[in-house]
Amino acid sequence: MKSFIAQASSLALILTLLSSCSHAHTRGSVVFSDSPTEGHVCLGENEVKPGDNLNVYRTECKSTEVQNEVRGGKRRTICSKFLLGKAKVSDTSSEHFARVEALNGLVLKEGQIVEKATEN
């Protein structure tokens, strides 16, 4: 019985820790660029509405070789995101996509990450 309680407690702790790492951001990406200042993002009508502001990020990943005495060389990659600017949702074209306009000279490029801004 003690073993079952210990296992259940461990499982509950693990699930709590895993859920605390989840992101609460509405996040997508630029999937098509009509022009340098207009494009489509993978956020639909259930996630954003016209007038919502989005933060636009680029990601950068760096890989390094890590030496391990037991297994030899191993690659480790660390990724970071960098805020580029903001865009505004002009229209939701479907449940999956929205049209956006870049703000303040931002250039939209396919693959950029977008997140719904917390302050609209």
Protein backbone atom coordinates (compact mmCIF):
# COMPACT_ATOMS: atom_id res chain seq x y z
CA MET A 1 0.00 0.00 0.00
CA LYS A 2 2.85 2.38 0.85
CA SER A 3 4.37 1.68 -2.56
CA PHE A 4 1.12 2.59 -4.32
CA ILE A 5 0.80 5.85 -2.36
CA ALA A 6 4.44 6.73 -3.09
CA GLN A 7 3.93 6.03 -6.81
CA ALA A 8 0.70 8.05 -6.93
CA SER A 9 2.36 10.94 -5.10
CA SER A 10 5.31 10.88 -7.48
CA LEU A 11 3.01 10.84 -10.50
CA ALA A 12 1.00 13.79 -9.14
CA LEU A 13 4.21 15.75 -8.53
CA ILE A 14 5.53 15.04 -12.03
CA LEU A 15 2.22 16.06 -13.64
CA THR A 16 2.18 19.28 -11.62
CA LEU A 17 5.74 20.14 -12.67
CA LEU A 18 5.05 19.38 -16.32
CA SER A 19 1.90 21.48 -16.42
CA SER A 20 3.69 24.41 -14.83
CA CYS A 21 6.07 24.52 -17.82
CA SER A 22 3.28 24.97 -20.36
CA HIS A 23 2.85 28.32 -22.05
CA ALA A 24 -0.30 30.39 -21.69
CA HIS A 25 0.42 32.42 -24.83
CA THR A 26 -1.64 32.32 -27.98
CA ARG A 27 1.17 31.54 -30.42
CA GLY A 28 1.51 30.91 -34.15
CA SER A 29 3.74 31.83 -37.07
CA VAL A 30 3.80 33.90 -40.24
CA VAL A 31 2.84 31.38 -42.94
CA PHE A 32 2.65 33.68 -45.98
CA SER A 33 3.84 37.18 -46.78
CA ASP A 34 1.70 39.14 -49.28
CA SER A 35 4.11 42.08 -49.05
CA PRO A 36 6.79 43.22 -46.58
CA THR A 37 4.06 44.69 -44.35
CA GLU A 38 1.10 42.31 -44.87
CA GLY A 39 0.76 38.60 -44.39
CA HIS A 40 -1.11 35.65 -42.95
CA VAL A 41 -0.48 34.01 -39.59
CA CYS A 42 -1.47 30.66 -38.19
CA LEU A 43 -3.93 32.03 -35.61
CA GLY A 44 -7.63 31.69 -36.30
CA GLU A 45 -10.93 33.26 -35.36
CA ASN A 46 -11.08 31.35 -32.07
CA GLU A 47 -7.72 32.80 -30.99
CA VAL A 48 -7.61 36.40 -32.28
CA LYS A 49 -9.98 39.07 -33.58
CA PRO A 50 -9.54 42.13 -35.81
CA GLY A 51 -7.71 44.86 -33.92
CA ASP A 52 -5.69 42.48 -31.70
CA ASN A 53 -1.98 43.28 -31.43
CA LEU A 54 0.63 40.58 -31.93
CA ASN A 55 4.27 40.52 -30.88
CA VAL A 56 6.50 39.28 -33.71
CA TYR A 57 9.71 37.38 -32.93
CA ARG A 58 12.62 35.77 -34.74
CA THR A 59 14.23 32.67 -33.32
CA GLU A 60 17.90 31.89 -33.20
CA CYS A 61 19.32 28.48 -32.32
CA LYS A 62 22.95 27.64 -31.59
CA SER A 63 24.38 24.14 -31.42
CA THR A 64 27.52 23.21 -29.55
CA GLU A 65 29.42 19.99 -29.14
CA VAL A 66 29.35 18.75 -25.55
CA GLN A 67 31.92 16.17 -24.48
CA ASN A 68 30.73 13.33 -22.29
CA GLU A 69 33.23 10.83 -20.85
CA VAL A 70 30.81 7.92 -21.15
CA ARG A 71 29.10 8.59 -24.50
CA GLY A 72 31.63 10.74 -26.31
CA GLY A 73 30.53 13.85 -28.21
CA LYS A 74 26.94 15.00 -28.18
CA ARG A 75 25.23 18.07 -29.71
CA ARG A 76 23.33 20.49 -27.51
CA THR A 77 21.10 23.15 -29.06
CA ILE A 78 19.80 26.22 -27.26
CA CYS A 79 17.14 28.39 -28.92
CA SER A 80 16.18 31.95 -28.05
CA LYS A 81 13.53 34.32 -29.37
CA PHE A 82 14.02 38.02 -30.02
CA LEU A 83 11.23 40.60 -30.28
CA LEU A 84 11.23 42.29 -33.71
CA GLY A 85 8.11 44.43 -33.38
CA LYS A 86 4.33 44.35 -33.52
CA ALA A 87 1.59 43.54 -36.01
CA LYS A 88 -2.17 44.10 -35.90
CA VAL A 89 -4.83 41.58 -36.92
CA SER A 90 -6.83 43.07 -39.79
CA ASP A 91 -9.11 40.09 -40.50
CA THR A 92 -9.63 36.46 -39.56
CA SER A 93 -9.94 34.52 -42.79
CA SER A 94 -10.84 31.15 -41.23
CA GLU A 95 -10.73 29.18 -38.04
CA HIS A 96 -7.01 28.62 -38.67
CA PHE A 97 -5.62 31.83 -40.22
CA ALA A 98 -5.68 35.60 -39.82
CA ARG A 99 -4.45 38.45 -41.99
CA VAL A 100 -2.10 40.92 -40.28
CA GLU A 101 -0.47 44.28 -40.94
CA ALA A 102 3.01 45.05 -39.65
CA LEU A 103 3.39 48.16 -37.48
CA ASN A 104 6.17 50.77 -37.25
CA GLY A 105 8.28 49.57 -40.19
CA LEU A 106 8.39 45.87 -39.24
CA VAL A 107 9.03 43.55 -42.20
CA LEU A 108 7.04 40.31 -42.06
CA LYS A 109 8.79 37.12 -43.17
CA GLU A 110 7.55 33.55 -43.33
CA GLY A 111 8.62 31.55 -40.28
CA GLN A 112 8.56 34.42 -37.79
CA ILE A 113 6.82 33.58 -34.51
CA VAL A 114 3.77 35.59 -33.43
CA GLU A 115 2.16 35.79 -29.99
CA LYS A 116 -0.98 37.62 -28.98
CA ALA A 117 0.18 40.67 -27.01
CA THR A 118 -1.07 40.71 -23.42
CA GLU A 119 -1.70 44.47 -23.62
CA ASN A 120 -3.96 45.29 -26.57
